[in-house]
Amino acid sequence: MRALSVVLTLLLSLPALADDYLQLYQAAGWPQQRMHFSDALQAAQERYRGSLPPAVHQALVNNSNQRFAPTAMDQRALQGLRSSLSAPASALQFFQSPLGRKIVDAELLATRSDQLARYANGLPRTDASATRRLLIRHLAQALPAREAGAEVSLALAGVAADSLSQMLPGLLGDGNSQALLDGQRQRLIEQIGADLDNTLLHVYRELSDPELEEFVSFAQSDAGKAYYQAALATLRGGLAVGASAGAR
């Protein structure tokens, strides 16, 4: 009877354990960030309207809408989180805490379309104490912000190239396309990194120094490192990075 009770307990706990990934996905703000990306995608599609022939622009819209369909993005991203993070409980606990929710709120505010438009020409310079700047430097080293920003930028910039390649195969040189993409990714990482401290000072400006220190402690912990490594895989999965047009 005792053995049966243990088996039943394990079986009943499996759905709860599996659901930790979905709860973490939601608590860390991924669905809202995907919505913000969709807003940015629509703006990018509109910017290309006047500079591309109608047929090419329509292909751009069709291709990007297919690649970045909301449900498919969420499914790919959640699968990336499940496959990249072996133990989600610690990260879930952090992002469900008052500080975690405050961090997510700050990140969601920073990526809203009105905020992106407001600071399209650059963020204001933020004055901060030496202690706060040191905390931000540690945070910049712990978060994959450079890499994440580069992937989002490449995804938005690449919708026109994808459409041109589909309509005119070989136009962009398939043999060198991956090398060109990698080179552009590295340049973006360097550009983002050059002003990353000021960006993080702006994004997390409402966090007190003790809150920022606690955030750094989580990001530098084993659980935090595992989560943020998985977060980059989650982002790349949602954006279908590396997938061919036919596989998206």
Protein backbone atom coordinates (compact mmCIF):
# COMPACT_ATOMS: atom_id res chain seq x y z
CA MET A 1 0.00 0.00 0.00
CA ARG A 2 2.85 2.36 0.86
CA ALA A 3 4.49 1.71 -2.51
CA LEU A 4 1.20 2.38 -4.30
CA SER A 5 0.83 5.66 -2.41
CA VAL A 6 4.31 6.75 -3.48
CA VAL A 7 3.57 5.92 -7.13
CA LEU A 8 0.27 7.80 -7.05
CA THR A 9 1.94 10.81 -5.43
CA LEU A 10 4.60 10.90 -8.13
CA LEU A 11 2.05 10.57 -10.90
CA LEU A 12 -0.12 13.34 -9.49
CA SER A 13 2.90 15.64 -9.13
CA LEU A 14 3.96 15.34 -12.78
CA PRO A 15 1.41 17.82 -14.20
CA ALA A 16 2.38 20.36 -11.54
CA LEU A 17 6.08 19.94 -12.31
CA ALA A 18 5.48 20.22 -16.04
CA ASP A 19 3.33 23.32 -15.52
CA ASP A 20 6.20 25.14 -13.80
CA TYR A 21 7.56 25.97 -17.26
CA LEU A 22 4.32 27.56 -18.38
CA GLN A 23 4.06 29.50 -15.12
CA LEU A 24 7.65 30.70 -15.49
CA TYR A 25 7.02 31.66 -19.12
CA GLN A 26 4.10 33.79 -17.99
CA ALA A 27 5.68 35.18 -14.82
CA ALA A 28 8.80 36.33 -16.67
CA GLY A 29 6.66 38.31 -19.12
CA TRP A 30 7.30 36.32 -22.30
CA PRO A 31 3.73 36.54 -23.69
CA GLN A 32 3.69 40.33 -23.28
CA GLN A 33 7.15 40.67 -24.80
CA ARG A 34 5.95 38.65 -27.77
CA MET A 35 3.05 41.11 -28.13
CA HIS A 36 5.51 44.01 -28.05
CA PHE A 37 7.57 42.29 -30.74
CA SER A 38 4.43 41.93 -32.86
CA ASP A 39 3.85 45.68 -32.55
CA ALA A 40 7.44 46.34 -33.66
CA LEU A 41 7.00 43.91 -36.56
CA GLN A 42 3.91 45.74 -37.82
CA ALA A 43 5.82 49.03 -37.63
CA ALA A 44 8.71 47.50 -39.60
CA GLN A 45 6.33 46.16 -42.25
CA GLU A 46 4.82 49.61 -42.63
CA ARG A 47 8.24 51.27 -42.94
CA TYR A 48 9.08 49.03 -45.90
CA ARG A 49 5.80 49.83 -47.70
CA GLY A 50 7.09 52.92 -49.48
CA SER A 51 10.52 51.54 -50.36
CA LEU A 52 9.65 48.18 -51.91
CA PRO A 53 7.63 47.20 -54.99
CA PRO A 54 4.09 46.15 -54.00
CA ALA A 55 4.68 42.47 -54.79
CA VAL A 56 7.84 42.36 -52.69
CA HIS A 57 6.18 44.21 -49.84
CA GLN A 58 3.25 41.80 -49.87
CA ALA A 59 5.68 38.88 -49.79
CA LEU A 60 7.42 40.53 -46.85
CA VAL A 61 4.13 40.84 -44.96
CA ASN A 62 3.07 37.29 -45.75
CA ASN A 63 6.44 35.76 -44.87
CA SER A 64 6.93 37.69 -41.66
CA ASN A 65 3.35 37.09 -40.51
CA GLN A 66 3.87 33.37 -41.06
CA ARG A 67 7.24 33.25 -39.33
CA PHE A 68 6.10 35.38 -36.42
CA ALA A 69 2.55 34.10 -35.98
CA PRO A 70 1.82 34.67 -32.25
CA THR A 71 0.71 31.15 -31.39
CA ALA A 72 3.64 29.56 -33.21
CA MET A 73 6.09 31.96 -31.54
CA ASP A 74 4.76 31.12 -28.09
CA GLN A 75 4.89 27.40 -28.80
CA ARG A 76 8.46 27.53 -30.09
CA ALA A 77 9.61 29.76 -27.25
CA LEU A 78 7.99 27.62 -24.56
CA GLN A 79 9.53 24.52 -26.09
CA GLY A 80 12.90 26.26 -26.04
CA LEU A 81 12.46 27.00 -22.35
CA ARG A 82 11.44 23.42 -21.56
CA SER A 83 14.37 21.92 -23.43
CA SER A 84 16.99 24.38 -22.14
CA LEU A 85 16.14 24.67 -18.44
CA SER A 86 16.24 21.50 -16.38
CA ALA A 87 14.93 22.97 -13.13
CA PRO A 88 12.56 25.96 -13.38
CA ALA A 89 11.44 26.15 -9.74
CA SER A 90 14.03 28.65 -8.48
CA ALA A 91 13.53 31.05 -11.38
CA LEU A 92 9.76 30.75 -11.04
CA GLN A 93 9.99 31.59 -7.35
CA PHE A 94 12.11 34.64 -8.12
CA PHE A 95 9.88 36.03 -10.87
CA GLN A 96 6.75 35.46 -8.79
CA SER A 97 8.25 37.47 -5.92
CA PRO A 98 7.50 41.19 -5.52
CA LEU A 99 10.98 42.06 -6.80
CA GLY A 100 10.64 39.69 -9.76
CA ARG A 101 7.33 41.26 -10.73
CA LYS A 102 8.88 44.73 -10.44
CA ILE A 103 11.73 43.68 -12.74
CA VAL A 104 9.34 42.23 -15.32
CA ASP A 105 7.19 45.37 -15.19
CA ALA A 106 10.28 47.51 -15.85
CA GLU A 107 11.30 45.35 -18.80
CA LEU A 108 7.80 45.39 -20.28
CA LEU A 109 7.61 49.17 -19.97
CA ALA A 110 10.95 49.53 -21.78
CA THR A 111 9.78 47.52 -24.80
CA ARG A 112 6.37 49.14 -25.22
CA SER A 113 5.88 50.77 -28.61
CA ASP A 114 5.33 54.24 -27.15
CA GLN A 115 8.56 54.00 -25.16
CA LEU A 116 10.52 52.77 -28.17
CA ALA A 117 9.18 55.69 -30.19
CA ARG A 118 9.93 58.16 -27.39
CA TYR A 119 13.56 57.10 -27.21
CA ALA A 120 14.09 56.33 -30.89
CA ASN A 121 17.01 58.80 -31.01
CA GLY A 122 18.68 57.40 -27.92
CA LEU A 123 18.18 57.12 -24.19
CA PRO A 124 18.97 60.01 -21.85
CA ARG A 125 22.21 59.73 -19.89
CA THR A 126 21.48 58.50 -16.39
CA ASP A 127 23.39 59.84 -13.41
CA ALA A 128 24.13 57.21 -10.79
CA SER A 129 26.37 56.66 -7.81
CA ALA A 130 29.54 54.60 -8.09
CA THR A 131 27.86 51.81 -6.13
CA ARG A 132 24.88 51.69 -8.47
CA ARG A 133 27.10 51.77 -11.55
CA LEU A 134 29.09 48.85 -10.17
CA LEU A 135 25.88 46.87 -9.61
CA ILE A 136 24.74 47.65 -13.14
CA ARG A 137 28.13 46.56 -14.53
CA HIS A 138 27.75 43.21 -12.75
CA LEU A 139 24.20 42.90 -14.10
CA ALA A 140 25.33 43.70 -17.64
CA GLN A 141 27.85 40.89 -17.39
CA ALA A 142 25.26 38.43 -16.09
CA LEU A 143 22.37 39.12 -18.46
CA PRO A 144 22.42 38.09 -22.15
CA ALA A 145 21.11 41.54 -23.09
CA ARG A 146 23.56 42.11 -25.95
CA GLU A 147 22.78 38.80 -27.59
CA ALA A 148 19.03 39.14 -27.07
CA GLY A 149 18.96 42.65 -28.51
CA ALA A 150 20.95 41.52 -31.53
CA GLU A 151 18.56 38.63 -32.26
CA VAL A 152 15.48 40.86 -32.09
CA SER A 153 17.12 43.48 -34.32
CA LEU A 154 18.17 40.84 -36.86
CA ALA A 155 14.70 39.31 -36.89
CA LEU A 156 13.06 42.65 -37.64
CA ALA A 157 15.67 43.69 -40.20
CA GLY A 158 15.68 40.29 -41.87
CA VAL A 159 12.06 40.19 -43.00
CA ALA A 160 12.84 42.12 -46.20
CA ALA A 161 15.91 40.01 -46.97
CA ASP A 162 13.88 36.81 -46.51
CA SER A 163 11.26 38.02 -48.97
CA LEU A 164 13.82 39.11 -51.57
CA SER A 165 15.62 35.79 -51.28
CA GLN A 166 12.39 33.88 -51.77
CA MET A 167 11.35 35.88 -54.83
CA LEU A 168 14.85 36.04 -56.35
CA PRO A 169 16.80 32.96 -55.24
CA GLY A 170 20.53 33.54 -55.06
CA LEU A 171 20.20 37.33 -55.00
CA LEU A 172 21.88 37.61 -51.62
CA GLY A 173 24.43 34.87 -52.24
CA ASP A 174 23.34 31.77 -50.35
CA GLY A 175 26.91 30.58 -49.94
CA ASN A 176 27.87 33.67 -47.94
CA SER A 177 24.53 34.45 -46.28
CA GLN A 178 25.35 32.76 -42.97
CA ALA A 179 28.73 34.47 -42.75
CA LEU A 180 27.08 37.83 -43.47
CA LEU A 181 24.44 37.15 -40.83
CA ASP A 182 27.02 36.18 -38.23
CA GLY A 183 29.03 39.28 -38.99
CA GLN A 184 25.98 41.51 -38.63
CA ARG A 185 25.05 39.76 -35.37
CA GLN A 186 28.51 40.43 -33.94
CA ARG A 187 28.39 44.09 -34.96
CA LEU A 188 25.01 44.49 -33.27
CA ILE A 189 26.28 42.81 -30.10
CA GLU A 190 29.18 45.26 -30.01
CA GLN A 191 26.94 48.27 -30.66
CA ILE A 192 24.48 47.27 -27.93
CA GLY A 193 27.31 46.51 -25.52
CA ALA A 194 28.87 49.93 -26.00
CA ASP A 195 25.94 51.62 -24.22
CA LEU A 196 24.54 48.70 -22.25
CA ASP A 197 25.24 50.11 -18.79
CA ASN A 198 23.27 53.28 -19.51
CA THR A 199 20.46 51.21 -21.04
CA LEU A 200 20.17 49.05 -17.93
CA LEU A 201 20.36 52.10 -15.67
CA HIS A 202 17.36 53.46 -17.57
CA VAL A 203 15.36 50.23 -17.69
CA TYR A 204 15.79 49.43 -14.00
CA ARG A 205 15.69 53.02 -12.78
CA GLU A 206 12.80 52.33 -10.38
CA LEU A 207 14.72 49.61 -8.53
CA SER A 208 16.41 50.70 -5.32
CA ASP A 209 20.06 49.84 -4.76
CA PRO A 210 19.17 46.95 -2.40
CA GLU A 211 16.68 45.62 -4.98
CA LEU A 212 19.25 45.93 -7.72
CA GLU A 213 21.78 44.09 -5.56
CA GLU A 214 19.27 41.27 -4.99
CA PHE A 215 18.64 41.11 -8.74
CA VAL A 216 22.37 40.84 -9.40
CA SER A 217 22.65 38.09 -6.79
CA PHE A 218 19.95 36.07 -8.55
CA ALA A 219 21.44 36.65 -12.01
CA GLN A 220 24.86 35.50 -10.77
CA SER A 221 23.53 32.46 -8.91
CA ASP A 222 23.52 28.99 -10.45
CA ALA A 223 19.74 29.17 -10.86
CA GLY A 224 19.97 32.61 -12.44
CA LYS A 225 22.73 31.62 -14.83
CA ALA A 226 20.73 28.57 -15.89
CA TYR A 227 17.60 30.65 -16.45
CA TYR A 228 19.24 33.40 -18.48
CA GLN A 229 21.09 30.89 -20.61
CA ALA A 230 17.74 29.21 -21.26
CA ALA A 231 16.11 32.60 -21.81
CA LEU A 232 18.34 33.24 -24.81
CA ALA A 233 17.40 29.83 -26.21
CA THR A 234 13.75 30.69 -25.54
CA LEU A 235 14.08 33.93 -27.48
CA ARG A 236 15.89 32.30 -30.37
CA GLY A 237 13.25 29.58 -30.49
CA GLY A 238 10.42 32.08 -30.59
CA LEU A 239 12.11 34.04 -33.38
CA ALA A 240 12.85 30.83 -35.33
CA VAL A 241 16.53 31.77 -35.51
CA GLY A 242 18.36 29.49 -37.91
CA ALA A 243 15.18 27.95 -39.37
CA SER A 244 14.74 27.94 -43.13
CA ALA A 245 11.74 29.69 -44.62
CA GLY A 246 10.11 26.39 -45.39
CA ALA A 247 10.56 25.08 -41.87
CA ARG A 248 9.00 28.03 -40.05
